[in-house]
């Protein structure tokens, strides 16, 4: 085999479509542009983000702020000052909070936050406990257990 015998595979080389070069080419007359209108004209057409006069998405986006985090966890929040109403050495868990009326439902996990003061020892069980709440409960002689 010699250099002049090399050929590209069949179908690899295809002539480009030469539009507007006579009817016999198959792309004569209107050259695939249709008969009339903005896109049939020389230099016609619309810019890339044009939406027919409607405010384009690219101009609208700066005003659409933020997003919704689909993984966000909503908590039932109970502060330490509410726990101070219980008797000393009592066990507190989400069911007890529901029974006493501090929580309306147990559909969401419970988080204990540190607003307020506590001076009685309690055994607290919750899904989450903030650092300040844990510190206040343990300083009062209680214990904290997180279930999550």
N, C-alpha and C. Protein backbone atom coordinates (compact mmCIF):
# COMPACT_ATOMS: atom_id res chain seq x y z
N UNK A 1 0.85 -1.18 0.00
CA UNK A 1 0.00 0.00 0.00
C UNK A 1 0.89 1.24 0.00
N UNK A 2 0.51 2.19 -0.82
CA UNK A 2 1.30 3.41 -0.94
C UNK A 2 0.47 4.62 -0.50
N UNK A 3 1.14 5.73 -0.31
CA UNK A 3 0.49 6.92 0.23
C UNK A 3 -0.68 7.37 -0.62
N UNK A 4 -0.57 7.26 -1.94
CA UNK A 4 -1.66 7.72 -2.79
C UNK A 4 -2.87 6.78 -2.75
N UNK A 5 -2.71 5.62 -2.11
CA UNK A 5 -3.82 4.67 -2.02
C UNK A 5 -4.69 4.89 -0.76
N UNK A 6 -4.22 5.72 0.18
CA UNK A 6 -5.02 5.98 1.40
C UNK A 6 -6.26 6.79 1.06
N UNK A 7 -7.39 6.39 1.60
CA UNK A 7 -8.65 7.11 1.39
C UNK A 7 -9.41 7.13 2.71
N UNK A 8 -10.14 8.22 3.00
CA UNK A 8 -10.98 8.21 4.20
C UNK A 8 -12.12 7.20 4.00
N UNK A 9 -12.67 6.70 5.11
CA UNK A 9 -13.77 5.73 4.97
C UNK A 9 -14.98 6.36 4.28
N UNK A 10 -15.80 5.53 3.68
CA UNK A 10 -16.97 6.01 2.95
C UNK A 10 -17.90 6.77 3.89
N UNK A 11 -18.33 7.95 3.46
CA UNK A 11 -19.26 8.76 4.26
C UNK A 11 -18.56 9.72 5.19
N UNK A 12 -17.23 9.65 5.29
CA UNK A 12 -16.51 10.54 6.21
C UNK A 12 -16.41 11.95 5.63
N UNK A 13 -16.33 12.06 4.33
CA UNK A 13 -16.23 13.37 3.69
C UNK A 13 -17.55 13.67 3.01
N UNK A 14 -18.24 14.71 3.47
CA UNK A 14 -19.51 15.06 2.86
C UNK A 14 -19.50 16.55 2.56
N UNK A 15 -19.90 16.92 1.36
CA UNK A 15 -19.89 18.33 0.97
C UNK A 15 -20.93 19.09 1.77
N UNK A 16 -20.62 20.34 2.17
CA UNK A 16 -21.58 21.13 2.94
C UNK A 16 -22.70 21.60 2.02
N UNK A 17 -23.82 21.97 2.60
CA UNK A 17 -24.96 22.43 1.82
C UNK A 17 -24.72 23.87 1.40
N UNK A 18 -24.73 24.11 0.11
CA UNK A 18 -24.54 25.48 -0.39
C UNK A 18 -25.92 26.05 -0.70
N UNK A 19 -26.46 26.79 0.23
CA UNK A 19 -27.82 27.29 0.09
C UNK A 19 -27.87 28.51 -0.81
N UNK A 20 -29.00 28.66 -1.49
CA UNK A 20 -29.22 29.83 -2.33
C UNK A 20 -28.38 29.85 -3.60
N UNK A 21 -28.05 28.68 -4.15
CA UNK A 21 -27.22 28.61 -5.35
C UNK A 21 -27.99 27.97 -6.51
N UNK A 22 -29.28 28.27 -6.61
CA UNK A 22 -30.07 27.78 -7.73
C UNK A 22 -30.98 26.62 -7.33
N UNK A 23 -32.07 26.47 -8.11
CA UNK A 23 -33.06 25.47 -7.78
C UNK A 23 -32.54 24.04 -7.92
N UNK A 24 -31.63 23.82 -8.83
CA UNK A 24 -31.15 22.46 -9.04
C UNK A 24 -30.34 21.95 -7.85
N UNK A 25 -29.86 22.84 -7.00
CA UNK A 25 -29.09 22.41 -5.83
C UNK A 25 -29.98 21.81 -4.75
N UNK A 26 -31.30 22.04 -4.85
CA UNK A 26 -32.22 21.58 -3.80
C UNK A 26 -32.39 22.61 -2.71
N UNK A 27 -31.54 23.63 -2.71
CA UNK A 27 -31.64 24.72 -1.72
C UNK A 27 -31.63 26.05 -2.42
N UNK A 28 -32.38 26.15 -3.51
CA UNK A 28 -32.48 27.41 -4.24
C UNK A 28 -33.66 28.20 -3.74
N UNK A 29 -34.19 29.10 -4.55
CA UNK A 29 -35.36 29.94 -4.26
C UNK A 29 -35.25 30.59 -2.89
N UNK A 30 -35.93 30.03 -1.90
CA UNK A 30 -35.94 30.63 -0.56
C UNK A 30 -34.86 30.03 0.34
N UNK A 31 -34.13 29.06 -0.19
CA UNK A 31 -32.98 28.49 0.50
C UNK A 31 -33.30 27.97 1.90
N UNK A 32 -34.49 27.41 2.07
CA UNK A 32 -34.86 26.82 3.35
C UNK A 32 -35.24 27.83 4.41
N UNK A 33 -35.42 29.11 4.02
CA UNK A 33 -35.75 30.14 5.00
C UNK A 33 -37.23 30.47 5.04
N UNK A 34 -38.02 29.83 4.20
CA UNK A 34 -39.43 30.20 4.12
C UNK A 34 -39.60 31.40 3.22
N UNK A 35 -40.84 31.92 3.11
CA UNK A 35 -41.11 32.96 2.12
C UNK A 35 -40.85 34.37 2.64
N UNK A 36 -41.43 34.71 3.78
CA UNK A 36 -41.31 36.08 4.25
C UNK A 36 -41.00 36.08 5.74
N UNK A 37 -40.78 37.26 6.26
CA UNK A 37 -40.60 37.41 7.69
C UNK A 37 -39.18 37.76 8.08
N UNK A 38 -39.02 38.03 9.35
CA UNK A 38 -37.76 38.53 9.88
C UNK A 38 -36.61 37.57 9.61
N UNK A 39 -36.86 36.27 9.73
CA UNK A 39 -35.78 35.30 9.58
C UNK A 39 -35.43 35.01 8.12
N UNK A 40 -36.26 35.45 7.18
CA UNK A 40 -35.96 35.20 5.77
C UNK A 40 -35.05 36.29 5.20
N UNK A 41 -34.95 37.41 5.89
CA UNK A 41 -34.21 38.55 5.35
C UNK A 41 -32.71 38.39 5.58
N UNK A 42 -31.97 39.05 4.73
CA UNK A 42 -30.53 39.11 4.90
C UNK A 42 -30.23 39.88 6.18
N UNK A 43 -29.42 39.32 7.05
CA UNK A 43 -29.11 39.99 8.33
C UNK A 43 -30.26 39.90 9.31
N UNK A 44 -31.31 39.14 8.98
CA UNK A 44 -32.49 39.06 9.84
C UNK A 44 -32.27 38.09 10.98
N UNK A 45 -33.30 37.90 11.75
CA UNK A 45 -33.23 36.99 12.90
C UNK A 45 -33.18 37.77 14.19
N UNK A 46 -33.25 37.07 15.28
CA UNK A 46 -33.27 37.70 16.60
C UNK A 46 -32.04 37.27 17.38
N UNK A 47 -31.66 38.07 18.35
CA UNK A 47 -30.48 37.77 19.15
C UNK A 47 -30.73 36.52 20.01
N UNK A 48 -29.69 35.92 20.54
CA UNK A 48 -29.82 34.62 21.20
C UNK A 48 -30.84 34.55 22.35
N UNK A 49 -30.93 35.57 23.23
CA UNK A 49 -31.85 35.43 24.37
C UNK A 49 -33.17 36.16 24.15
N UNK A 50 -33.50 36.50 22.90
CA UNK A 50 -34.75 37.21 22.61
C UNK A 50 -35.94 36.28 22.80
N UNK A 51 -36.99 36.78 23.49
CA UNK A 51 -38.17 35.96 23.77
C UNK A 51 -39.43 36.60 23.23
N UNK A 52 -39.34 37.20 22.04
CA UNK A 52 -40.52 37.77 21.42
C UNK A 52 -41.01 39.03 22.08
N UNK A 53 -40.16 39.75 22.75
CA UNK A 53 -40.55 41.00 23.40
C UNK A 53 -40.86 40.81 24.88
N UNK A 54 -41.11 39.58 25.31
CA UNK A 54 -41.29 39.31 26.74
C UNK A 54 -39.96 39.54 27.44
N UNK A 55 -40.02 39.92 28.72
CA UNK A 55 -38.79 40.16 29.47
C UNK A 55 -37.98 38.87 29.52
N UNK A 56 -36.77 38.86 28.95
CA UNK A 56 -36.00 37.62 28.87
C UNK A 56 -35.60 37.10 30.26
N UNK A 57 -35.42 35.81 30.33
CA UNK A 57 -35.05 35.16 31.59
C UNK A 57 -33.76 35.75 32.14
N UNK A 58 -32.82 36.09 31.26
CA UNK A 58 -31.53 36.63 31.70
C UNK A 58 -31.69 37.97 32.41
N UNK A 59 -32.75 38.73 32.09
CA UNK A 59 -32.99 40.00 32.79
C UNK A 59 -33.80 39.79 34.05
N UNK A 60 -34.60 38.71 34.08
CA UNK A 60 -35.45 38.43 35.23
C UNK A 60 -34.68 37.82 36.39
N UNK A 61 -33.66 37.01 36.09
CA UNK A 61 -32.96 36.23 37.11
C UNK A 61 -32.40 37.05 38.27
N UNK A 62 -31.82 38.24 38.04
CA UNK A 62 -31.27 38.97 39.19
C UNK A 62 -32.30 39.31 40.25
N UNK A 63 -33.59 39.29 39.90
CA UNK A 63 -34.62 39.66 40.87
C UNK A 63 -35.20 38.45 41.59
N UNK A 64 -34.85 37.25 41.11
CA UNK A 64 -35.32 36.02 41.75
C UNK A 64 -34.23 35.61 42.74
N UNK A 65 -34.40 36.01 43.99
CA UNK A 65 -33.34 35.82 44.97
C UNK A 65 -33.50 34.51 45.74
N UNK A 66 -32.39 33.92 46.10
CA UNK A 66 -32.37 32.80 47.01
C UNK A 66 -32.92 31.51 46.42
N UNK A 67 -33.08 30.52 47.28
CA UNK A 67 -33.59 29.22 46.86
C UNK A 67 -34.19 28.55 48.09
N UNK A 68 -34.92 27.46 47.86
CA UNK A 68 -35.51 26.71 48.96
C UNK A 68 -34.70 25.44 49.17
N UNK A 69 -34.16 25.28 50.35
CA UNK A 69 -33.38 24.10 50.68
C UNK A 69 -34.34 22.95 50.96
N UNK A 70 -34.35 21.94 50.08
CA UNK A 70 -35.29 20.84 50.24
C UNK A 70 -34.88 19.88 51.35
N UNK A 71 -33.66 20.01 51.87
CA UNK A 71 -33.19 19.13 52.92
C UNK A 71 -33.29 19.77 54.31
N UNK A 72 -33.89 20.96 54.41
CA UNK A 72 -34.00 21.66 55.68
C UNK A 72 -34.85 20.84 56.66
N UNK A 73 -34.41 20.80 57.91
CA UNK A 73 -35.15 20.09 58.95
C UNK A 73 -35.79 21.12 59.86
N UNK A 74 -37.11 21.09 59.99
CA UNK A 74 -37.84 22.00 60.89
C UNK A 74 -37.95 21.33 62.26
N UNK A 75 -37.67 22.09 63.31
CA UNK A 75 -37.70 21.55 64.67
C UNK A 75 -38.82 22.19 65.48
N UNK A 76 -39.37 21.43 66.42
CA UNK A 76 -40.18 21.99 67.50
C UNK A 76 -39.18 22.52 68.52
N UNK A 77 -39.25 23.80 68.83
CA UNK A 77 -38.25 24.42 69.70
C UNK A 77 -38.81 24.59 71.11
N UNK A 78 -38.02 24.16 72.11
CA UNK A 78 -38.37 24.34 73.51
C UNK A 78 -37.18 24.98 74.20
N UNK A 79 -37.41 26.08 74.90
CA UNK A 79 -36.32 26.77 75.59
C UNK A 79 -36.19 26.27 77.02
N UNK A 80 -35.01 26.52 77.60
CA UNK A 80 -34.70 26.05 78.95
C UNK A 80 -35.66 26.64 79.99
N UNK A 81 -36.12 27.87 79.78
CA UNK A 81 -37.02 28.48 80.77
C UNK A 81 -38.35 27.71 80.89
N UNK A 82 -38.77 27.02 79.83
CA UNK A 82 -39.98 26.18 79.90
C UNK A 82 -39.71 24.91 80.72
N UNK A 83 -38.47 24.42 80.65
CA UNK A 83 -38.12 23.21 81.41
C UNK A 83 -38.04 23.49 82.91
N UNK A 84 -37.81 24.76 83.26
CA UNK A 84 -37.69 25.13 84.67
C UNK A 84 -39.02 24.97 85.42
N UNK A 85 -40.13 24.82 84.67
CA UNK A 85 -41.44 24.66 85.30
C UNK A 85 -41.66 23.24 85.85
N UNK A 86 -40.83 22.27 85.42
CA UNK A 86 -40.99 20.89 85.86
C UNK A 86 -40.41 20.71 87.27
N UNK A 87 -40.83 19.59 87.92
CA UNK A 87 -40.29 19.28 89.25
C UNK A 87 -38.87 18.76 89.13
N UNK A 88 -38.10 18.89 90.22
CA UNK A 88 -36.71 18.45 90.21
C UNK A 88 -36.62 16.94 89.98
N UNK A 89 -35.56 16.53 89.31
CA UNK A 89 -35.24 15.13 89.01
C UNK A 89 -36.28 14.41 88.14
N UNK A 90 -37.11 15.17 87.44
CA UNK A 90 -38.08 14.51 86.56
C UNK A 90 -37.45 14.24 85.20
N UNK A 91 -37.98 13.23 84.51
CA UNK A 91 -37.49 12.88 83.18
C UNK A 91 -38.32 13.62 82.14
N UNK A 92 -37.64 14.26 81.23
CA UNK A 92 -38.33 15.05 80.20
C UNK A 92 -37.96 14.49 78.83
N UNK A 93 -39.00 14.15 78.06
CA UNK A 93 -38.81 13.70 76.69
C UNK A 93 -39.91 14.32 75.83
N UNK A 94 -39.88 14.15 74.51
CA UNK A 94 -40.90 14.78 73.67
C UNK A 94 -42.33 14.41 74.06
N UNK A 95 -42.57 13.17 74.49
CA UNK A 95 -43.93 12.76 74.86
C UNK A 95 -44.41 13.52 76.10
N UNK A 96 -43.52 13.72 77.08
CA UNK A 96 -43.88 14.47 78.29
C UNK A 96 -44.19 15.92 77.92
N UNK A 97 -43.38 16.49 77.03
CA UNK A 97 -43.61 17.87 76.59
C UNK A 97 -44.95 17.99 75.87
N UNK A 98 -45.32 16.97 75.13
CA UNK A 98 -46.61 16.96 74.42
C UNK A 98 -47.76 16.85 75.43
N UNK A 99 -47.60 15.98 76.43
CA UNK A 99 -48.66 15.76 77.42
C UNK A 99 -48.90 17.00 78.28
N UNK A 100 -47.84 17.77 78.56
CA UNK A 100 -47.99 18.97 79.40
C UNK A 100 -48.45 20.19 78.59
N UNK A 101 -48.52 20.04 77.26
CA UNK A 101 -49.02 21.14 76.44
C UNK A 101 -47.97 22.10 75.94
N UNK A 102 -46.69 21.81 76.23
CA UNK A 102 -45.62 22.68 75.72
C UNK A 102 -45.48 22.51 74.21
N UNK A 103 -45.66 21.27 73.74
CA UNK A 103 -45.64 21.00 72.30
C UNK A 103 -47.05 20.67 71.83
N UNK A 104 -47.38 21.10 70.62
CA UNK A 104 -48.69 20.78 70.06
C UNK A 104 -48.71 19.39 69.44
N UNK A 105 -47.62 19.04 68.72
CA UNK A 105 -47.59 17.73 68.07
C UNK A 105 -46.16 17.21 68.08
N UNK A 106 -46.03 15.93 67.77
CA UNK A 106 -44.72 15.29 67.72
C UNK A 106 -44.32 15.00 66.28
N UNK A 107 -44.91 15.74 65.32
CA UNK A 107 -44.61 15.52 63.91
C UNK A 107 -43.18 15.94 63.56
N UNK A 108 -42.66 16.93 64.26
CA UNK A 108 -41.30 17.42 63.99
C UNK A 108 -40.38 16.99 65.12
N UNK A 109 -39.08 16.86 64.85
CA UNK A 109 -38.14 16.56 65.93
C UNK A 109 -38.05 17.74 66.92
N UNK A 110 -37.64 17.44 68.14
CA UNK A 110 -37.60 18.45 69.21
C UNK A 110 -36.17 18.92 69.44
N UNK A 111 -36.01 20.25 69.55
CA UNK A 111 -34.70 20.82 69.85
C UNK A 111 -34.83 21.69 71.09
N UNK A 112 -33.89 21.53 72.03
CA UNK A 112 -33.87 22.32 73.25
C UNK A 112 -32.88 23.46 73.05
N UNK A 113 -33.35 24.70 73.26
CA UNK A 113 -32.50 25.88 73.13
C UNK A 113 -32.25 26.51 74.49
N UNK A 114 -31.27 27.42 74.55
CA UNK A 114 -30.77 27.88 75.84
C UNK A 114 -31.31 29.19 76.38
N UNK A 115 -32.48 29.68 75.92
CA UNK A 115 -33.00 30.94 76.46
C UNK A 115 -33.55 30.71 77.87
N UNK A 116 -33.20 31.57 78.78
CA UNK A 116 -33.70 31.46 80.15
C UNK A 116 -32.70 30.77 81.08
N UNK A 117 -33.13 30.61 82.32
CA UNK A 117 -32.27 30.01 83.34
C UNK A 117 -32.96 28.79 83.93
N UNK A 118 -32.15 27.87 84.48
CA UNK A 118 -32.68 26.68 85.13
C UNK A 118 -31.81 26.38 86.35
N UNK A 119 -32.45 26.00 87.46
CA UNK A 119 -31.67 25.73 88.68
C UNK A 119 -32.06 24.41 89.33
N UNK A 120 -32.82 23.57 88.59
CA UNK A 120 -33.21 22.26 89.13
C UNK A 120 -32.63 21.17 88.23
N UNK A 121 -32.23 20.05 88.81
CA UNK A 121 -31.67 18.96 87.99
C UNK A 121 -32.78 18.22 87.24
N UNK A 122 -32.58 18.01 85.94
CA UNK A 122 -33.55 17.30 85.10
C UNK A 122 -32.82 16.30 84.21
N UNK A 123 -33.52 15.24 83.83
CA UNK A 123 -32.99 14.30 82.85
C UNK A 123 -33.73 14.58 81.53
N UNK A 124 -33.01 15.17 80.59
CA UNK A 124 -33.64 15.64 79.34
C UNK A 124 -33.22 14.74 78.18
N UNK A 125 -34.24 14.28 77.42
CA UNK A 125 -34.00 13.51 76.19
C UNK A 125 -34.68 14.25 75.05
N UNK A 126 -33.89 14.60 74.01
CA UNK A 126 -34.46 15.32 72.86
C UNK A 126 -33.67 14.95 71.61
N UNK A 127 -34.22 15.33 70.46
CA UNK A 127 -33.55 15.03 69.19
C UNK A 127 -32.26 15.84 69.04
N UNK A 128 -32.32 17.12 69.43
CA UNK A 128 -31.13 17.98 69.38
C UNK A 128 -31.13 18.87 70.60
N UNK A 129 -29.93 19.26 71.05
CA UNK A 129 -29.79 20.18 72.19
C UNK A 129 -28.68 21.15 71.84
N UNK A 130 -28.95 22.45 72.00
CA UNK A 130 -27.91 23.44 71.70
C UNK A 130 -26.84 23.40 72.78
N UNK A 131 -25.68 23.94 72.45
CA UNK A 131 -24.55 23.90 73.39
C UNK A 131 -24.86 24.68 74.66
N UNK A 132 -25.52 25.84 74.52
CA UNK A 132 -25.81 26.66 75.70
C UNK A 132 -26.86 25.97 76.59
N UNK A 133 -27.84 25.31 75.98
CA UNK A 133 -28.86 24.59 76.77
C UNK A 133 -28.22 23.42 77.52
N UNK A 134 -27.34 22.69 76.84
CA UNK A 134 -26.66 21.56 77.48
C UNK A 134 -25.84 22.05 78.68
N UNK A 135 -25.15 23.17 78.48
CA UNK A 135 -24.31 23.72 79.55
C UNK A 135 -25.17 24.11 80.76
N UNK A 136 -26.32 24.75 80.54
CA UNK A 136 -27.17 25.20 81.64
C UNK A 136 -27.80 24.02 82.38
N UNK A 137 -28.25 23.01 81.63
CA UNK A 137 -28.89 21.85 82.26
C UNK A 137 -27.88 21.06 83.09
N UNK A 138 -26.67 20.86 82.54
CA UNK A 138 -25.65 20.12 83.27
C UNK A 138 -25.10 20.91 84.44
N UNK A 139 -25.08 22.25 84.33
CA UNK A 139 -24.62 23.09 85.46
C UNK A 139 -25.61 23.00 86.62
N UNK A 140 -26.90 22.76 86.29
CA UNK A 140 -27.91 22.65 87.34
C UNK A 140 -27.95 21.23 87.94
N UNK A 141 -27.08 20.34 87.45
CA UNK A 141 -27.01 18.98 87.99
C UNK A 141 -27.80 17.96 87.19
N UNK A 142 -28.28 18.32 86.03
CA UNK A 142 -29.08 17.41 85.21
C UNK A 142 -28.23 16.70 84.17
N UNK A 143 -28.90 15.83 83.39
CA UNK A 143 -28.21 15.13 82.31
C UNK A 143 -28.97 15.35 81.00
N UNK A 144 -28.24 15.27 79.89
CA UNK A 144 -28.80 15.50 78.56
C UNK A 144 -28.47 14.33 77.66
N UNK A 145 -29.49 13.84 76.93
CA UNK A 145 -29.29 12.77 75.95
C UNK A 145 -29.88 13.21 74.61
N UNK A 146 -29.07 13.13 73.57
CA UNK A 146 -29.54 13.45 72.21
C UNK A 146 -29.86 12.14 71.49
N UNK A 147 -31.02 12.09 70.83
CA UNK A 147 -31.40 10.87 70.11
C UNK A 147 -30.98 10.89 68.65
N UNK A 148 -30.55 12.03 68.15
CA UNK A 148 -30.09 12.10 66.75
C UNK A 148 -28.63 12.39 66.69
